[in-house]
Amino acid sequence: MLLTIGLLTWLLLMFSMERIWLRRGSADATFRRVGANLFLGGINWGLARLLVPGGLVLVALFAEVRLWGAWPFLGLNGIFEIILSIVFLDLAIWLQHWASHKIGWLWRIHRVHHLDICVDASTAVRFHPAEIFVSLAYKAMLIISLGISSFAVASFEILLAASAMFNHANMRLPDSLDKMLRVLIVTPDMHRIHHSIDRSEHDTNFGFFFSFWDKVFGVYTENPKTPHVKMLLGLHESRVATRVRSLWHLLLAPFVTKI
């Protein structure tokens, strides 16, 4: 409960920062769109707790008391295990995100996230429930097979959720701060390029928390072809179909060929 309250508070802070340091005018700041995004996030929150009662931390505890996984076998523990686990989980999420753009059926469910033509903090929770199911199963498998500690899992889940809200925020950072932060973490300007309507740009910058994976794998784009304030976001079909604001159409999107 405290974690949920904390993340909701962080989300409200990101909304506030968007108003103070607005990066670009909103193409679709309607309550219908933002409400659909937040409602979808609420559905996914409930689904996650239904599918994995107690959350992934409980999965980690289950494996932890039984000493399952590679980390206990290798004798990894303490701060080294926590840091290694967070870095490894972030890499795993990067690979999942990359695969979601390359594998047909994964893209069909992931494109719900990319149909948003106005990227802001609410976009951070705009995922299809099917993608949440896939992600939970994937992370649970990694946690059990590696024996990642419950503290490391909790730390990573907080970082993942908070960083997603931050790097989706329609917020302008000072250029010097953005450049400094990008050495380690994904910034709003860096991630916005990933939501470009230009396929050559949205197939780059897959990172959620650490920024260096995109550079390591050669898919990093520093600046968009069109300035941030003018670049088009979303997918071509979402820019000609206003129905993508509807929660019902977002839920149906993976199962239809046209929006």
C-alpha atoms as a PDB file:
ATOM      1  CA  MET A   1       0.000   0.000   0.000  1.00  0.00           C
ATOM      2  CA  LEU A   2       2.798   2.426   0.919  1.00  0.00           C
ATOM      3  CA  LEU A   3       4.559   1.623  -2.364  1.00  0.00           C
ATOM      4  CA  THR A   4       1.380   2.333  -4.338  1.00  0.00           C
ATOM      5  CA  ILE A   5       0.857   5.642  -2.518  1.00  0.00           C
ATOM      6  CA  GLY A   6       4.491   6.563  -3.127  1.00  0.00           C
ATOM      7  CA  LEU A   7       4.279   5.869  -6.873  1.00  0.00           C
ATOM      8  CA  LEU A   8       0.986   7.753  -7.191  1.00  0.00           C
ATOM      9  CA  THR A   9       2.617  10.703  -5.443  1.00  0.00           C
ATOM     10  CA  TRP A  10       5.545  10.506  -7.863  1.00  0.00           C
ATOM     11  CA  LEU A  11       3.128  10.416 -10.814  1.00  0.00           C
ATOM     12  CA  LEU A  12       1.375  13.535  -9.528  1.00  0.00           C
ATOM     13  CA  LEU A  13       4.784  15.205  -9.155  1.00  0.00           C
ATOM     14  CA  MET A  14       5.608  14.378 -12.792  1.00  0.00           C
ATOM     15  CA  PHE A  15       2.273  15.863 -13.894  1.00  0.00           C
ATOM     16  CA  SER A  16       3.133  18.998 -11.933  1.00  0.00           C
ATOM     17  CA  MET A  17       6.612  19.244 -13.442  1.00  0.00           C
ATOM     18  CA  GLU A  18       5.063  18.976 -16.904  1.00  0.00           C
ATOM     19  CA  ARG A  19       3.038  22.085 -16.175  1.00  0.00           C
ATOM     20  CA  ILE A  20       6.036  24.003 -14.836  1.00  0.00           C
ATOM     21  CA  TRP A  21       8.631  22.904 -17.418  1.00  0.00           C
ATOM     22  CA  LEU A  22       6.472  21.963 -20.402  1.00  0.00           C
ATOM     23  CA  ARG A  23       8.590  20.593 -23.247  1.00  0.00           C
ATOM     24  CA  ARG A  24       6.086  20.668 -26.109  1.00  0.00           C
ATOM     25  CA  GLY A  25       2.447  21.545 -26.655  1.00  0.00           C
ATOM     26  CA  SER A  26       0.113  18.592 -26.278  1.00  0.00           C
ATOM     27  CA  ALA A  27      -1.450  17.211 -29.452  1.00  0.00           C
ATOM     28  CA  ASP A  28      -4.094  15.460 -27.372  1.00  0.00           C
ATOM     29  CA  ALA A  29      -4.272  16.513 -23.739  1.00  0.00           C
ATOM     30  CA  THR A  30      -7.944  15.606 -23.429  1.00  0.00           C
ATOM     31  CA  PHE A  31      -9.312  14.047 -20.286  1.00  0.00           C
ATOM     32  CA  ARG A  32     -10.559  11.160 -22.416  1.00  0.00           C
ATOM     33  CA  ARG A  33      -7.058  10.214 -23.519  1.00  0.00           C
ATOM     34  CA  VAL A  34      -5.328  10.754 -20.171  1.00  0.00           C
ATOM     35  CA  GLY A  35      -8.227   9.071 -18.367  1.00  0.00           C
ATOM     36  CA  ALA A  36      -8.010   6.033 -20.665  1.00  0.00           C
ATOM     37  CA  ASN A  37      -4.257   5.799 -20.020  1.00  0.00           C
ATOM     38  CA  LEU A  38      -4.701   5.982 -16.241  1.00  0.00           C
ATOM     39  CA  PHE A  39      -7.645   3.580 -16.260  1.00  0.00           C
ATOM     40  CA  LEU A  40      -5.584   1.106 -18.277  1.00  0.00           C
ATOM     41  CA  GLY A  41      -2.831   1.501 -15.676  1.00  0.00           C
ATOM     42  CA  GLY A  42      -5.363   0.739 -12.950  1.00  0.00           C
ATOM     43  CA  ILE A  43      -6.528  -2.402 -14.760  1.00  0.00           C
ATOM     44  CA  ASN A  44      -2.929  -3.560 -15.064  1.00  0.00           C
ATOM     45  CA  TRP A  45      -2.233  -2.856 -11.390  1.00  0.00           C
ATOM     46  CA  GLY A  46      -5.187  -5.022 -10.395  1.00  0.00           C
ATOM     47  CA  LEU A  47      -4.275  -7.734 -12.910  1.00  0.00           C
ATOM     48  CA  ALA A  48      -0.712  -7.916 -11.619  1.00  0.00           C
ATOM     49  CA  ARG A  49      -1.953  -8.514  -8.074  1.00  0.00           C
ATOM     50  CA  LEU A  50      -4.456 -11.110  -9.261  1.00  0.00           C
ATOM     51  CA  LEU A  51      -1.888 -13.037 -11.317  1.00  0.00           C
ATOM     52  CA  VAL A  52       0.919 -12.729  -8.755  1.00  0.00           C
ATOM     53  CA  PRO A  53      -0.629 -12.265  -5.287  1.00  0.00           C
ATOM     54  CA  GLY A  54       1.833 -10.338  -3.180  1.00  0.00           C
ATOM     55  CA  GLY A  55       3.745  -9.231  -6.279  1.00  0.00           C
ATOM     56  CA  LEU A  56       7.124 -10.265  -7.640  1.00  0.00           C
ATOM     57  CA  VAL A  57       8.694  -9.596  -4.243  1.00  0.00           C
ATOM     58  CA  LEU A  58       6.744 -12.561  -2.873  1.00  0.00           C
ATOM     59  CA  VAL A  59       7.991 -14.676  -5.781  1.00  0.00           C
ATOM     60  CA  ALA A  60      11.533 -13.677  -4.823  1.00  0.00           C
ATOM     61  CA  LEU A  61      10.905 -14.520  -1.161  1.00  0.00           C
ATOM     62  CA  PHE A  62       9.536 -17.927  -2.175  1.00  0.00           C
ATOM     63  CA  ALA A  63      12.761 -18.715  -4.079  1.00  0.00           C
ATOM     64  CA  GLU A  64      14.954 -17.018  -1.472  1.00  0.00           C
ATOM     65  CA  VAL A  65      13.973 -19.234   1.475  1.00  0.00           C
ATOM     66  CA  ARG A  66      14.582 -22.321  -0.670  1.00  0.00           C
ATOM     67  CA  LEU A  67      17.972 -21.062  -1.920  1.00  0.00           C
ATOM     68  CA  TRP A  68      16.893 -21.544  -5.515  1.00  0.00           C
ATOM     69  CA  GLY A  69      18.778 -20.024  -8.413  1.00  0.00           C
ATOM     70  CA  ALA A  70      22.230 -19.170  -9.684  1.00  0.00           C
ATOM     71  CA  TRP A  71      23.029 -16.368  -7.244  1.00  0.00           C
ATOM     72  CA  PRO A  72      22.759 -18.517  -4.048  1.00  0.00           C
ATOM     73  CA  PHE A  73      24.671 -21.300  -5.820  1.00  0.00           C
ATOM     74  CA  LEU A  74      27.499 -18.847  -6.559  1.00  0.00           C
ATOM     75  CA  GLY A  75      27.334 -17.412  -3.042  1.00  0.00           C
ATOM     76  CA  LEU A  76      26.342 -13.923  -4.172  1.00  0.00           C
ATOM     77  CA  ASN A  77      24.739 -11.781  -1.482  1.00  0.00           C
ATOM     78  CA  GLY A  78      24.714  -8.327   0.056  1.00  0.00           C
ATOM     79  CA  ILE A  79      25.204  -5.100  -1.828  1.00  0.00           C
ATOM     80  CA  PHE A  80      27.023  -6.785  -4.723  1.00  0.00           C
ATOM     81  CA  GLU A  81      24.051  -9.083  -5.350  1.00  0.00           C
ATOM     82  CA  ILE A  82      21.614  -6.146  -5.224  1.00  0.00           C
ATOM     83  CA  ILE A  83      23.604  -4.045  -7.713  1.00  0.00           C
ATOM     84  CA  LEU A  84      24.230  -6.995 -10.043  1.00  0.00           C
ATOM     85  CA  SER A  85      20.564  -7.999  -9.935  1.00  0.00           C
ATOM     86  CA  ILE A  86      19.317  -4.492 -10.717  1.00  0.00           C
ATOM     87  CA  VAL A  87      21.725  -4.172 -13.651  1.00  0.00           C
ATOM     88  CA  PHE A  88      20.800  -7.635 -14.941  1.00  0.00           C
ATOM     89  CA  LEU A  89      17.052  -7.046 -14.605  1.00  0.00           C
ATOM     90  CA  ASP A  90      17.361  -3.735 -16.439  1.00  0.00           C
ATOM     91  CA  LEU A  91      19.195  -5.511 -19.264  1.00  0.00           C
ATOM     92  CA  ALA A  92      16.470  -8.162 -19.322  1.00  0.00           C
ATOM     93  CA  ILE A  93      13.766  -5.488 -19.622  1.00  0.00           C
ATOM     94  CA  TRP A  94      15.760  -3.781 -22.390  1.00  0.00           C
ATOM     95  CA  LEU A  95      15.868  -7.111 -24.283  1.00  0.00           C
ATOM     96  CA  GLN A  96      12.133  -7.640 -23.750  1.00  0.00           C
ATOM     97  CA  HIS A  97      11.440  -4.148 -25.082  1.00  0.00           C
ATOM     98  CA  TRP A  98      13.661  -4.716 -28.112  1.00  0.00           C
ATOM     99  CA  ALA A  99      11.930  -8.046 -28.802  1.00  0.00           C
ATOM    100  CA  SER A 100       8.543  -6.318 -28.534  1.00  0.00           C
ATOM    101  CA  HIS A 101       9.475  -4.280 -31.599  1.00  0.00           C
ATOM    102  CA  LYS A 102      10.899  -7.209 -33.576  1.00  0.00           C
ATOM    103  CA  ILE A 103       8.522 -10.129 -32.944  1.00  0.00           C
ATOM    104  CA  GLY A 104       5.121  -9.843 -34.597  1.00  0.00           C
ATOM    105  CA  TRP A 105       2.778 -10.976 -31.829  1.00  0.00           C
ATOM    106  CA  LEU A 106       4.695  -9.033 -29.169  1.00  0.00           C
ATOM    107  CA  TRP A 107       4.530  -5.887 -31.296  1.00  0.00           C
ATOM    108  CA  ARG A 108       0.746  -6.239 -31.667  1.00  0.00           C
ATOM    109  CA  ILE A 109       0.311  -5.902 -27.919  1.00  0.00           C
ATOM    110  CA  HIS A 110       3.155  -3.418 -27.408  1.00  0.00           C
ATOM    111  CA  ARG A 111       1.891  -1.049 -30.106  1.00  0.00           C
ATOM    112  CA  VAL A 112      -0.931  -0.023 -27.729  1.00  0.00           C
ATOM    113  CA  HIS A 113       1.774   1.901 -25.885  1.00  0.00           C
ATOM    114  CA  HIS A 114       2.996   3.517 -29.119  1.00  0.00           C
ATOM    115  CA  LEU A 115      -0.443   4.520 -30.382  1.00  0.00           C
ATOM    116  CA  ASP A 116      -0.347   7.477 -28.002  1.00  0.00           C
ATOM    117  CA  ILE A 117       0.242  10.640 -30.048  1.00  0.00           C
ATOM    118  CA  CYS A 118       1.034  12.749 -26.987  1.00  0.00           C
ATOM    119  CA  VAL A 119       3.708  11.291 -24.739  1.00  0.00           C
ATOM    120  CA  ASP A 120       3.421  12.415 -21.126  1.00  0.00           C
ATOM    121  CA  ALA A 121       3.555  10.883 -17.661  1.00  0.00           C
ATOM    122  CA  SER A 122       0.251   9.056 -18.235  1.00  0.00           C
ATOM    123  CA  THR A 123       1.820   7.196 -21.180  1.00  0.00           C
ATOM    124  CA  ALA A 124       4.094   5.435 -18.681  1.00  0.00           C
ATOM    125  CA  VAL A 125       1.171   3.265 -17.511  1.00  0.00           C
ATOM    126  CA  ARG A 126      -0.439   2.795 -20.937  1.00  0.00           C
ATOM    127  CA  PHE A 127       0.235  -0.887 -21.653  1.00  0.00           C
ATOM    128  CA  HIS A 128      -2.106  -3.625 -22.788  1.00  0.00           C
ATOM    129  CA  PRO A 129      -2.953  -6.176 -20.046  1.00  0.00           C
ATOM    130  CA  ALA A 130      -1.539  -8.934 -22.267  1.00  0.00           C
ATOM    131  CA  GLU A 131       1.848  -7.214 -22.178  1.00  0.00           C
ATOM    132  CA  ILE A 132       1.688  -7.041 -18.388  1.00  0.00           C
ATOM    133  CA  PHE A 133       1.011 -10.790 -18.289  1.00  0.00           C
ATOM    134  CA  VAL A 134       4.011 -11.499 -20.543  1.00  0.00           C
ATOM    135  CA  SER A 135       6.257  -9.179 -18.529  1.00  0.00           C
ATOM    136  CA  LEU A 136       5.231 -10.695 -15.181  1.00  0.00           C
ATOM    137  CA  ALA A 137       5.866 -14.232 -16.417  1.00  0.00           C
ATOM    138  CA  TYR A 138       9.228 -13.224 -17.893  1.00  0.00           C
ATOM    139  CA  LYS A 139      10.419 -11.448 -14.742  1.00  0.00           C
ATOM    140  CA  ALA A 140       9.166 -14.220 -12.438  1.00  0.00           C
ATOM    141  CA  MET A 141      11.132 -16.768 -14.476  1.00  0.00           C
ATOM    142  CA  LEU A 142      14.298 -14.656 -14.196  1.00  0.00           C
ATOM    143  CA  ILE A 143      13.840 -14.079 -10.466  1.00  0.00           C
ATOM    144  CA  ILE A 144      13.422 -17.778  -9.713  1.00  0.00           C
ATOM    145  CA  SER A 145      16.151 -19.048 -12.040  1.00  0.00           C
ATOM    146  CA  LEU A 146      18.705 -16.542 -10.742  1.00  0.00           C
ATOM    147  CA  GLY A 147      17.534 -16.484  -7.133  1.00  0.00           C
ATOM    148  CA  ILE A 148      17.363 -12.698  -7.034  1.00  0.00           C
ATOM    149  CA  SER A 149      16.792 -11.381  -3.517  1.00  0.00           C
ATOM    150  CA  SER A 150      13.458  -9.855  -2.535  1.00  0.00           C
ATOM    151  CA  PHE A 151      15.160  -6.552  -1.668  1.00  0.00           C
ATOM    152  CA  ALA A 152      16.764  -6.346  -5.116  1.00  0.00           C
ATOM    153  CA  VAL A 153      13.433  -7.120  -6.775  1.00  0.00           C
ATOM    154  CA  ALA A 154      11.609  -4.469  -4.732  1.00  0.00           C
ATOM    155  CA  SER A 155      14.347  -1.916  -5.489  1.00  0.00           C
ATOM    156  CA  PHE A 156      14.233  -2.632  -9.212  1.00  0.00           C
ATOM    157  CA  GLU A 157      10.433  -2.500  -9.450  1.00  0.00           C
ATOM    158  CA  ILE A 158      10.444   0.915  -7.769  1.00  0.00           C
ATOM    159  CA  LEU A 159      13.209   2.167 -10.081  1.00  0.00           C
ATOM    160  CA  LEU A 160      11.427   0.805 -13.159  1.00  0.00           C
ATOM    161  CA  ALA A 161       8.060   2.390 -12.339  1.00  0.00           C
ATOM    162  CA  ALA A 162       9.499   5.730 -11.215  1.00  0.00           C
ATOM    163  CA  SER A 163      11.897   6.021 -14.159  1.00  0.00           C
ATOM    164  CA  ALA A 164       9.132   5.184 -16.669  1.00  0.00           C
ATOM    165  CA  MET A 165       7.013   8.057 -15.320  1.00  0.00           C
ATOM    166  CA  PHE A 166      10.039  10.366 -15.417  1.00  0.00           C
ATOM    167  CA  ASN A 167      11.264   9.566 -18.902  1.00  0.00           C
ATOM    168  CA  HIS A 168       7.770   9.708 -20.430  1.00  0.00           C
ATOM    169  CA  ALA A 169       7.071  13.103 -18.857  1.00  0.00           C
ATOM    170  CA  ASN A 170       6.457  15.998 -21.245  1.00  0.00           C
ATOM    171  CA  MET A 171       9.113  17.933 -19.402  1.00  0.00           C
ATOM    172  CA  ARG A 172      12.069  20.045 -20.472  1.00  0.00           C
ATOM    173  CA  LEU A 173      15.321  19.648 -18.584  1.00  0.00           C
ATOM    174  CA  PRO A 174      18.194  22.125 -18.963  1.00  0.00           C
ATOM    175  CA  ASP A 175      20.465  20.882 -21.764  1.00  0.00           C
ATOM    176  CA  SER A 176      23.429  20.564 -19.412  1.00  0.00           C
ATOM    177  CA  LEU A 177      21.421  18.478 -16.921  1.00  0.00           C
ATOM    178  CA  ASP A 178      19.996  16.275 -19.674  1.00  0.00           C
ATOM    179  CA  LYS A 179      23.487  15.602 -21.031  1.00  0.00           C
ATOM    180  CA  MET A 180      24.839  14.775 -17.565  1.00  0.00           C
ATOM    181  CA  LEU A 181      21.953  12.444 -16.668  1.00  0.00           C
ATOM    182  CA  ARG A 182      22.117  10.600 -20.002  1.00  0.00           C
ATOM    183  CA  VAL A 183      25.504   9.220 -19.086  1.00  0.00           C
ATOM    184  CA  LEU A 184      23.689   6.842 -16.735  1.00  0.00           C
ATOM    185  CA  ILE A 185      19.890   7.112 -16.995  1.00  0.00           C
ATOM    186  CA  VAL A 186      17.226   7.651 -19.649  1.00  0.00           C
ATOM    187  CA  THR A 187      15.894  11.216 -19.811  1.00  0.00           C
ATOM    188  CA  PRO A 188      12.564  12.461 -21.238  1.00  0.00           C
ATOM    189  CA  ASP A 189      14.233  13.843 -24.385  1.00  0.00           C
ATOM    190  CA  MET A 190      16.067  10.570 -24.965  1.00  0.00           C
ATOM    191  CA  HIS A 191      12.972   8.411 -24.584  1.00  0.00           C
ATOM    192  CA  ARG A 192      10.694  10.733 -26.576  1.00  0.00           C
ATOM    193  CA  ILE A 193      12.738   9.881 -29.667  1.00  0.00           C
ATOM    194  CA  HIS A 194      11.656   6.264 -29.170  1.00  0.00           C
ATOM    195  CA  HIS A 195       8.030   7.420 -29.594  1.00  0.00           C
ATOM    196  CA  SER A 196       8.743   9.183 -32.885  1.00  0.00           C
ATOM    197  CA  ILE A 197       6.439   8.400 -35.801  1.00  0.00           C
ATOM    198  CA  ASP A 198       9.630   7.832 -37.830  1.00  0.00           C
ATOM    199  CA  ARG A 199      10.315   4.076 -37.747  1.00  0.00           C
ATOM    200  CA  SER A 200      14.085   4.611 -37.892  1.00  0.00           C
ATOM    201  CA  GLU A 201      13.830   6.577 -34.627  1.00  0.00           C
ATOM    202  CA  HIS A 202      11.265   4.530 -32.719  1.00  0.00           C
ATOM    203  CA  ASP A 203      13.410   1.448 -33.273  1.00  0.00           C
ATOM    204  CA  THR A 204      16.108   3.094 -31.119  1.00  0.00           C
ATOM    205  CA  ASN A 205      16.469   4.195 -27.471  1.00  0.00           C
ATOM    206  CA  PHE A 206      14.787   1.153 -25.906  1.00  0.00           C
ATOM    207  CA  GLY A 207      16.101   1.802 -22.389  1.00  0.00           C
ATOM    208  CA  PHE A 208      13.853   2.408 -19.387  1.00  0.00           C
ATOM    209  CA  PHE A 209      16.308   3.167 -16.579  1.00  0.00           C
ATOM    210  CA  PHE A 210      19.962   2.752 -17.576  1.00  0.00           C
ATOM    211  CA  SER A 211      20.856   4.615 -20.770  1.00  0.00           C
ATOM    212  CA  PHE A 212      23.991   2.719 -21.715  1.00  0.00           C
ATOM    213  CA  TRP A 213      22.369  -0.442 -23.153  1.00  0.00           C
ATOM    214  CA  ASP A 214      21.307   1.441 -26.285  1.00  0.00           C
ATOM    215  CA  LYS A 215      24.880   2.615 -26.794  1.00  0.00           C
ATOM    216  CA  VAL A 216      26.297  -0.859 -26.117  1.00  0.00           C
ATOM    217  CA  PHE A 217      23.985  -2.463 -28.706  1.00  0.00           C
ATOM    218  CA  GLY A 218      24.343   0.342 -31.249  1.00  0.00           C
ATOM    219  CA  VAL A 219      20.734   1.582 -31.231  1.00  0.00           C
ATOM    220  CA  TYR A 220      21.180   4.964 -29.570  1.00  0.00           C
ATOM    221  CA  THR A 221      19.857   8.159 -31.159  1.00  0.00           C
ATOM    222  CA  GLU A 222      21.030  11.364 -29.515  1.00  0.00           C
ATOM    223  CA  ASN A 223      18.741  13.846 -31.268  1.00  0.00           C
ATOM    224  CA  PRO A 224      15.637  13.477 -33.452  1.00  0.00           C
ATOM    225  CA  LYS A 225      15.645  14.507 -37.109  1.00  0.00           C
ATOM    226  CA  THR A 226      12.912  17.030 -36.318  1.00  0.00           C
ATOM    227  CA  PRO A 227      13.252  19.233 -33.191  1.00  0.00           C
ATOM    228  CA  HIS A 228      11.474  17.889 -30.110  1.00  0.00           C
ATOM    229  CA  VAL A 229       8.834  20.622 -30.127  1.00  0.00           C
ATOM    230  CA  LYS A 230       7.818  19.780 -33.715  1.00  0.00           C
ATOM    231  CA  MET A 231       8.403  16.026 -34.061  1.00  0.00           C
ATOM    232  CA  LEU A 232       5.370  13.801 -34.620  1.00  0.00           C
ATOM    233  CA  LEU A 233       4.763  11.073 -32.041  1.00  0.00           C
ATOM    234  CA  GLY A 234       2.807   7.832 -32.144  1.00  0.00           C
ATOM    235  CA  LEU A 235       2.101   5.619 -35.154  1.00  0.00           C
ATOM    236  CA  HIS A 236       0.702   6.627 -38.533  1.00  0.00           C
ATOM    237  CA  GLU A 237      -2.621   4.886 -37.864  1.00  0.00           C
ATOM    238  CA  SER A 238      -3.029   6.640 -34.521  1.00  0.00           C
ATOM    239  CA  ARG A 239      -2.706  10.068 -36.107  1.00  0.00           C
ATOM    240  CA  VAL A 240      -5.673   9.503 -38.417  1.00  0.00           C
ATOM    241  CA  ALA A 241      -7.954   7.679 -35.957  1.00  0.00           C
ATOM    242  CA  THR A 242      -9.259   9.632 -32.965  1.00  0.00           C
ATOM    243  CA  ARG A 243     -10.764   6.423 -31.563  1.00  0.00           C
ATOM    244  CA  VAL A 244      -7.384   5.476 -30.084  1.00  0.00           C
ATOM    245  CA  ARG A 245      -8.307   7.732 -27.163  1.00  0.00           C
ATOM    246  CA  SER A 246     -10.944   5.181 -26.181  1.00  0.00           C
ATOM    247  CA  LEU A 247     -10.131   2.558 -23.558  1.00  0.00           C
ATOM    248  CA  TRP A 248     -12.268   0.043 -25.457  1.00  0.00           C
ATOM    249  CA  HIS A 249     -10.275   0.486 -28.666  1.00  0.00           C
ATOM    250  CA  LEU A 250      -6.983   0.242 -26.805  1.00  0.00           C
ATOM    251  CA  LEU A 251      -8.062  -3.117 -25.376  1.00  0.00           C
ATOM    252  CA  LEU A 252      -9.094  -4.342 -28.847  1.00  0.00           C
ATOM    253  CA  ALA A 253      -6.055  -2.964 -30.700  1.00  0.00           C
ATOM    254  CA  PRO A 254      -3.902  -6.142 -30.619  1.00  0.00           C
ATOM    255  CA  PHE A 255      -6.722  -8.147 -32.229  1.00  0.00           C
ATOM    256  CA  VAL A 256      -7.613  -5.873 -35.154  1.00  0.00           C
ATOM    257  CA  THR A 257      -5.612  -4.896 -38.204  1.00  0.00           C
ATOM    258  CA  LYS A 258      -6.982  -1.353 -38.311  1.00  0.00           C
ATOM    259  CA  ILE A 259      -7.671   1.028 -35.414  1.00  0.00           C
END
